[in-house]
C-alpha cells in the first residue's frame, strides 16, 4: 500500500471474505478503484453494498522504511 501526498491509499488490494460453515468464500475485493464483486453464481442474491454498509471497519496503516 502506498499513501500519496494527500493521505489517500493507493496500490492496495483487500479481499472481502464471507466465513461460512462450508468454508471461506471471497465475495469481492477492494482496491484504489473501489469495490469489485467476485461472487459466484450461487451467491449473486447477496447485496454486497448493503452488506458493507452495515459493518464498521477499522483500518490502520503502519509506515515502515522499505528495504531492498
PDB file of N, CA and C in Angstrom:
ATOM      1  N   UNK A   1       0.848  -1.163   0.000  1.00  0.00           N
ATOM      2  CA  UNK A   1       0.000   0.000   0.000  1.00  0.00           C
ATOM      3  C   UNK A   1       0.892   1.223   0.000  1.00  0.00           C
ATOM      4  N   UNK A   2       0.449   2.216  -0.729  1.00  0.00           N
ATOM      5  CA  UNK A   2       1.171   3.478  -0.819  1.00  0.00           C
ATOM      6  C   UNK A   2       0.225   4.602  -0.392  1.00  0.00           C
ATOM      7  N   UNK A   3       0.681   5.486   0.470  1.00  0.00           N
ATOM      8  CA  UNK A   3      -0.092   6.652   0.887  1.00  0.00           C
ATOM      9  C   UNK A   3       0.446   7.844   0.108  1.00  0.00           C
ATOM     10  N   UNK A   4      -0.412   8.484  -0.705  1.00  0.00           N
ATOM     11  CA  UNK A   4       0.060   9.606  -1.517  1.00  0.00           C
ATOM     12  C   UNK A   4       0.162  10.879  -0.685  1.00  0.00           C
ATOM     13  N   UNK A   5       0.577  11.976  -1.330  1.00  0.00           N
ATOM     14  CA  UNK A   5       0.809  13.228  -0.609  1.00  0.00           C
ATOM     15  C   UNK A   5      -0.470  13.839  -0.042  1.00  0.00           C
ATOM     16  N   UNK A   6      -1.636  13.356  -0.473  1.00  0.00           N
ATOM     17  CA  UNK A   6      -2.915  13.829   0.050  1.00  0.00           C
ATOM     18  C   UNK A   6      -3.501  12.895   1.107  1.00  0.00           C
ATOM     19  N   UNK A   7      -2.763  11.860   1.494  1.00  0.00           N
ATOM     20  CA  UNK A   7      -3.210  10.920   2.513  1.00  0.00           C
ATOM     21  C   UNK A   7      -4.132   9.841   1.996  1.00  0.00           C
ATOM     22  N   UNK A   8      -4.250   9.694   0.675  1.00  0.00           N
ATOM     23  CA  UNK A   8      -5.111   8.664   0.089  1.00  0.00           C
ATOM     24  C   UNK A   8      -4.330   7.374  -0.106  1.00  0.00           C
ATOM     25  N   UNK A   9      -5.010   6.241   0.156  1.00  0.00           N
ATOM     26  CA  UNK A   9      -4.394   4.931  -0.047  1.00  0.00           C
ATOM     27  C   UNK A   9      -4.334   4.629  -1.538  1.00  0.00           C
ATOM     28  N   UNK A  10      -3.207   4.160  -2.016  1.00  0.00           N
ATOM     29  CA  UNK A  10      -3.011   3.800  -3.417  1.00  0.00           C
ATOM     30  C   UNK A  10      -2.326   2.433  -3.475  1.00  0.00           C
ATOM     31  N   UNK A  11      -2.505   1.740  -4.559  1.00  0.00           N
ATOM     32  CA  UNK A  11      -1.820   0.463  -4.815  1.00  0.00           C
ATOM     33  C   UNK A  11      -2.040  -0.546  -3.685  1.00  0.00           C
ATOM     34  N   UNK A  12      -3.310  -0.864  -3.439  1.00  0.00           N
ATOM     35  CA  UNK A  12      -3.626  -1.862  -2.421  1.00  0.00           C
ATOM     36  C   UNK A  12      -4.742  -2.756  -2.941  1.00  0.00           C
ATOM     37  N   UNK A  13      -4.901  -3.908  -2.310  1.00  0.00           N
ATOM     38  CA  UNK A  13      -5.953  -4.851  -2.673  1.00  0.00           C
ATOM     39  C   UNK A  13      -6.345  -5.606  -1.407  1.00  0.00           C
ATOM     40  N   UNK A  14      -7.594  -5.428  -0.970  1.00  0.00           N
ATOM     41  CA  UNK A  14      -8.105  -6.080   0.229  1.00  0.00           C
ATOM     42  C   UNK A  14      -9.178  -7.082  -0.197  1.00  0.00           C
ATOM     43  N   UNK A  15      -9.019  -8.333   0.175  1.00  0.00           N
ATOM     44  CA  UNK A  15     -10.026  -9.352  -0.124  1.00  0.00           C
ATOM     45  C   UNK A  15     -11.148  -9.265   0.902  1.00  0.00           C
ATOM     46  N   UNK A  16     -12.391  -9.313   0.439  1.00  0.00           N
ATOM     47  CA  UNK A  16     -13.551  -9.305   1.317  1.00  0.00           C
ATOM     48  C   UNK A  16     -14.091 -10.729   1.343  1.00  0.00           C
ATOM     49  N   UNK A  17     -14.035 -11.340   2.522  1.00  0.00           N
ATOM     50  CA  UNK A  17     -14.358 -12.751   2.669  1.00  0.00           C
ATOM     51  C   UNK A  17     -15.662 -12.947   3.420  1.00  0.00           C
ATOM     52  N   UNK A  18     -16.340 -14.042   3.115  1.00  0.00           N
ATOM     53  CA  UNK A  18     -17.535 -14.458   3.827  1.00  0.00           C
ATOM     54  C   UNK A  18     -17.220 -15.805   4.475  1.00  0.00           C
ATOM     55  N   UNK A  19     -17.271 -15.849   5.797  1.00  0.00           N
ATOM     56  CA  UNK A  19     -16.959 -17.069   6.528  1.00  0.00           C
ATOM     57  C   UNK A  19     -18.243 -17.854   6.742  1.00  0.00           C
ATOM     58  N   UNK A  20     -18.318 -19.038   6.156  1.00  0.00           N
ATOM     59  CA  UNK A  20     -19.481 -19.906   6.265  1.00  0.00           C
ATOM     60  C   UNK A  20     -19.043 -21.249   6.828  1.00  0.00           C
ATOM     61  N   UNK A  21     -20.019 -22.031   7.265  1.00  0.00           N
ATOM     62  CA  UNK A  21     -19.678 -23.368   7.770  1.00  0.00           C
ATOM     63  C   UNK A  21     -19.044 -24.219   6.688  1.00  0.00           C
ATOM     64  N   UNK A  22     -19.455 -24.000   5.440  1.00  0.00           N
ATOM     65  CA  UNK A  22     -18.912 -24.805   4.338  1.00  0.00           C
ATOM     66  C   UNK A  22     -17.515 -24.352   3.924  1.00  0.00           C
ATOM     67  N   UNK A  23     -17.081 -23.204   4.416  1.00  0.00           N
ATOM     68  CA  UNK A  23     -15.750 -22.723   4.079  1.00  0.00           C
ATOM     69  C   UNK A  23     -15.725 -21.211   3.901  1.00  0.00           C
ATOM     70  N   UNK A  24     -14.580 -20.713   3.505  1.00  0.00           N
ATOM     71  CA  UNK A  24     -14.385 -19.283   3.303  1.00  0.00           C
ATOM     72  C   UNK A  24     -14.562 -18.975   1.824  1.00  0.00           C
ATOM     73  N   UNK A  25     -15.388 -17.964   1.529  1.00  0.00           N
ATOM     74  CA  UNK A  25     -15.668 -17.587   0.147  1.00  0.00           C
ATOM     75  C   UNK A  25     -15.253 -16.135  -0.046  1.00  0.00           C
ATOM     76  N   UNK A  26     -14.438 -15.864  -1.069  1.00  0.00           N
ATOM     77  CA  UNK A  26     -14.105 -14.482  -1.390  1.00  0.00           C
ATOM     78  C   UNK A  26     -15.276 -13.888  -2.150  1.00  0.00           C
ATOM     79  N   UNK A  27     -15.884 -12.842  -1.578  1.00  0.00           N
ATOM     80  CA  UNK A  27     -17.057 -12.233  -2.193  1.00  0.00           C
ATOM     81  C   UNK A  27     -16.688 -11.080  -3.120  1.00  0.00           C
ATOM     82  N   UNK A  28     -15.623 -10.382  -2.796  1.00  0.00           N
ATOM     83  CA  UNK A  28     -15.220  -9.242  -3.599  1.00  0.00           C
ATOM     84  C   UNK A  28     -13.814  -8.837  -3.187  1.00  0.00           C
ATOM     85  N   UNK A  29     -13.336  -7.791  -3.821  1.00  0.00           N
ATOM     86  CA  UNK A  29     -12.080  -7.204  -3.388  1.00  0.00           C
ATOM     87  C   UNK A  29     -12.200  -5.692  -3.488  1.00  0.00           C
ATOM     88  N   UNK A  30     -11.400  -4.996  -2.685  1.00  0.00           N
ATOM     89  CA  UNK A  30     -11.417  -3.546  -2.621  1.00  0.00           C
ATOM     90  C   UNK A  30     -10.036  -3.060  -2.988  1.00  0.00           C
ATOM     91  N   UNK A  31      -9.953  -2.216  -4.003  1.00  0.00           N
ATOM     92  CA  UNK A  31      -8.689  -1.605  -4.368  1.00  0.00           C
ATOM     93  C   UNK A  31      -8.894  -0.105  -4.517  1.00  0.00           C
ATOM     94  N   UNK A  32      -7.890   0.602  -5.007  1.00  0.00           N
ATOM     95  CA  UNK A  32      -7.985   2.050  -5.087  1.00  0.00           C
ATOM     96  C   UNK A  32      -9.043   2.526  -6.077  1.00  0.00           C
ATOM     97  N   UNK A  33      -9.602   1.624  -6.882  1.00  0.00           N
ATOM     98  CA  UNK A  33     -10.694   1.972  -7.800  1.00  0.00           C
ATOM     99  C   UNK A  33     -12.073   1.678  -7.217  1.00  0.00           C
ATOM    100  N   UNK A  34     -12.152   1.095  -6.018  1.00  0.00           N
ATOM    101  CA  UNK A  34     -13.427   0.799  -5.382  1.00  0.00           C
ATOM    102  C   UNK A  34     -13.610  -0.680  -5.107  1.00  0.00           C
ATOM    103  N   UNK A  35     -14.860  -1.070  -4.837  1.00  0.00           N
ATOM    104  CA  UNK A  35     -15.187  -2.460  -4.523  1.00  0.00           C
ATOM    105  C   UNK A  35     -15.608  -3.170  -5.806  1.00  0.00           C
ATOM    106  N   UNK A  36     -15.075  -4.374  -6.002  1.00  0.00           N
ATOM    107  CA  UNK A  36     -15.354  -5.165  -7.191  1.00  0.00           C
ATOM    108  C   UNK A  36     -15.877  -6.535  -6.762  1.00  0.00           C
ATOM    109  N   UNK A  37     -17.071  -6.887  -7.223  1.00  0.00           N
ATOM    110  CA  UNK A  37     -17.684  -8.169  -6.861  1.00  0.00           C
ATOM    111  C   UNK A  37     -16.992  -9.309  -7.597  1.00  0.00           C
ATOM    112  N   UNK A  38     -16.753 -10.402  -6.880  1.00  0.00           N
ATOM    113  CA  UNK A  38     -16.201 -11.618  -7.471  1.00  0.00           C
ATOM    114  C   UNK A  38     -17.079 -12.807  -7.107  1.00  0.00           C
ATOM    115  N   UNK A  39     -18.343 -12.530  -6.847  1.00  0.00           N
ATOM    116  CA  UNK A  39     -19.254 -13.571  -6.385  1.00  0.00           C
ATOM    117  C   UNK A  39     -19.483 -14.617  -7.469  1.00  0.00           C
ATOM    118  N   UNK A  40     -19.657 -15.850  -7.008  1.00  0.00           N
ATOM    119  CA  UNK A  40     -20.014 -16.910  -7.933  1.00  0.00           C
ATOM    120  C   UNK A  40     -21.526 -16.903  -8.126  1.00  0.00           C
ATOM    121  N   UNK A  41     -22.020 -17.602  -9.100  1.00  0.00           N
ATOM    122  CA  UNK A  41     -23.427 -17.542  -9.494  1.00  0.00           C
ATOM    123  C   UNK A  41     -24.385 -17.795  -8.335  1.00  0.00           C
ATOM    124  N   UNK A  42     -24.088 -18.763  -7.471  1.00  0.00           N
ATOM    125  CA  UNK A  42     -24.987 -19.111  -6.369  1.00  0.00           C
ATOM    126  C   UNK A  42     -25.095 -18.001  -5.322  1.00  0.00           C
ATOM    127  N   UNK A  43     -24.175 -17.069  -5.307  1.00  0.00           N
ATOM    128  CA  UNK A  43     -24.146 -16.048  -4.264  1.00  0.00           C
ATOM    129  C   UNK A  43     -24.573 -14.680  -4.768  1.00  0.00           C
ATOM    130  N   UNK A  44     -25.095 -14.572  -5.959  1.00  0.00           N
ATOM    131  CA  UNK A  44     -25.458 -13.271  -6.510  1.00  0.00           C
ATOM    132  C   UNK A  44     -26.642 -12.636  -5.812  1.00  0.00           C
ATOM    133  N   UNK A  45     -27.369 -13.381  -4.986  1.00  0.00           N
ATOM    134  CA  UNK A  45     -28.508 -12.826  -4.269  1.00  0.00           C
ATOM    135  C   UNK A  45     -28.072 -11.897  -3.141  1.00  0.00           C
ATOM    136  N   UNK A  46     -26.825 -11.982  -2.744  1.00  0.00           N
ATOM    137  CA  UNK A  46     -26.334 -11.160  -1.632  1.00  0.00           C
ATOM    138  C   UNK A  46     -26.046  -9.758  -2.152  1.00  0.00           C
ATOM    139  N   UNK A  47     -26.607  -8.775  -1.501  1.00  0.00           N
ATOM    140  CA  UNK A  47     -26.377  -7.384  -1.885  1.00  0.00           C
ATOM    141  C   UNK A  47     -25.094  -6.909  -1.212  1.00  0.00           C
ATOM    142  N   UNK A  48     -24.019  -6.824  -1.968  1.00  0.00           N
ATOM    143  CA  UNK A  48     -22.708  -6.504  -1.415  1.00  0.00           C
ATOM    144  C   UNK A  48     -22.687  -5.128  -0.758  1.00  0.00           C
ATOM    145  N   UNK A  49     -23.277  -4.146  -1.393  1.00  0.00           N
ATOM    146  CA  UNK A  49     -23.225  -2.802  -0.826  1.00  0.00           C
ATOM    147  C   UNK A  49     -23.979  -2.709   0.496  1.00  0.00           C
ATOM    148  N   UNK A  50     -25.134  -3.358   0.611  1.00  0.00           N
ATOM    149  CA  UNK A  50     -25.855  -3.369   1.878  1.00  0.00           C
ATOM    150  C   UNK A  50     -25.025  -4.092   2.942  1.00  0.00           C
ATOM    151  N   UNK A  51     -24.407  -5.193   2.557  1.00  0.00           N
ATOM    152  CA  UNK A  51     -23.548  -5.947   3.461  1.00  0.00           C
ATOM    153  C   UNK A  51     -22.423  -5.061   3.996  1.00  0.00           C
ATOM    154  N   UNK A  52     -21.809  -4.279   3.120  1.00  0.00           N
ATOM    155  CA  UNK A  52     -20.696  -3.433   3.530  1.00  0.00           C
ATOM    156  C   UNK A  52     -21.165  -2.258   4.396  1.00  0.00           C
ATOM    157  N   UNK A  53     -22.322  -1.674   4.105  1.00  0.00           N
ATOM    158  CA  UNK A  53     -22.803  -0.515   4.847  1.00  0.00           C
ATOM    159  C   UNK A  53     -23.146  -0.861   6.285  1.00  0.00           C
ATOM    160  N   UNK A  54     -23.487  -2.092   6.573  1.00  0.00           N
ATOM    161  CA  UNK A  54     -23.875  -2.482   7.918  1.00  0.00           C
ATOM    162  C   UNK A  54     -22.675  -2.793   8.809  1.00  0.00           C
ATOM    163  N   UNK A  55     -21.483  -2.684   8.280  1.00  0.00           N
ATOM    164  CA  UNK A  55     -20.279  -3.035   9.022  1.00  0.00           C
ATOM    165  C   UNK A  55     -19.473  -1.789   9.379  1.00  0.00           C
ATOM    166  N   UNK A  56     -18.691  -1.890  10.422  1.00  0.00           N
ATOM    167  CA  UNK A  56     -17.745  -0.844  10.806  1.00  0.00           C
ATOM    168  C   UNK A  56     -16.352  -1.430  10.625  1.00  0.00           C
ATOM    169  N   UNK A  57     -15.541  -0.742   9.856  1.00  0.00           N
ATOM    170  CA  UNK A  57     -14.187  -1.204   9.586  1.00  0.00           C
ATOM    171  C   UNK A  57     -13.187  -0.275  10.249  1.00  0.00           C
ATOM    172  N   UNK A  58     -12.226  -0.869  10.908  1.00  0.00           N
ATOM    173  CA  UNK A  58     -11.116  -0.109  11.468  1.00  0.00           C
ATOM    174  C   UNK A  58      -9.885  -0.483  10.647  1.00  0.00           C
ATOM    175  N   UNK A  59      -9.363   0.486   9.938  1.00  0.00           N
ATOM    176  CA  UNK A  59      -8.219   0.249   9.057  1.00  0.00           C
ATOM    177  C   UNK A  59      -7.051   1.048   9.588  1.00  0.00           C
ATOM    178  N   UNK A  60      -5.948   0.371   9.812  1.00  0.00           N
ATOM    179  CA  UNK A  60      -4.754   1.053  10.280  1.00  0.00           C
ATOM    180  C   UNK A  60      -3.622   0.796   9.300  1.00  0.00           C
ATOM    181  N   UNK A  61      -2.702   1.727   9.263  1.00  0.00           N
ATOM    182  CA  UNK A  61      -1.563   1.638   8.351  1.00  0.00           C
ATOM    183  C   UNK A  61      -0.309   1.838   9.167  1.00  0.00           C
ATOM    184  N   UNK A  62       0.679   1.007   8.954  1.00  0.00           N
ATOM    185  CA  UNK A  62       1.963   1.142   9.621  1.00  0.00           C
ATOM    186  C   UNK A  62       2.987   1.493   8.561  1.00  0.00           C
ATOM    187  N   UNK A  63       3.585   2.671   8.686  1.00  0.00           N
ATOM    188  CA  UNK A  63       4.592   3.103   7.741  1.00  0.00           C
ATOM    189  C   UNK A  63       5.964   2.603   8.207  1.00  0.00           C
ATOM    190  N   UNK A  64       6.636   1.905   7.327  1.00  0.00           N
ATOM    191  CA  UNK A  64       7.977   1.412   7.637  1.00  0.00           C
ATOM    192  C   UNK A  64       8.891   1.747   6.469  1.00  0.00           C
ATOM    193  N   UNK A  65      10.146   1.894   6.750  1.00  0.00           N
ATOM    194  CA  UNK A  65      11.134   2.167   5.712  1.00  0.00           C
ATOM    195  C   UNK A  65      11.321   0.905   4.882  1.00  0.00           C
ATOM    196  N   UNK A  66      11.224   1.048   3.585  1.00  0.00           N
ATOM    197  CA  UNK A  66      11.387  -0.121   2.714  1.00  0.00           C
ATOM    198  C   UNK A  66      12.851  -0.534   2.667  1.00  0.00           C
ATOM    199  N   UNK A  67      13.062  -1.833   2.554  1.00  0.00           N
ATOM    200  CA  UNK A  67      14.417  -2.374   2.434  1.00  0.00           C
ATOM    201  C   UNK A  67      14.509  -3.195   1.178  1.00  0.00           C
ATOM    202  N   UNK A  68      15.614  -3.085   0.540  1.00  0.00           N
ATOM    203  CA  UNK A  68      15.819  -3.863  -0.702  1.00  0.00           C
ATOM    204  C   UNK A  68      16.941  -4.847  -0.506  1.00  0.00           C
TER     205      UNK A  68
END
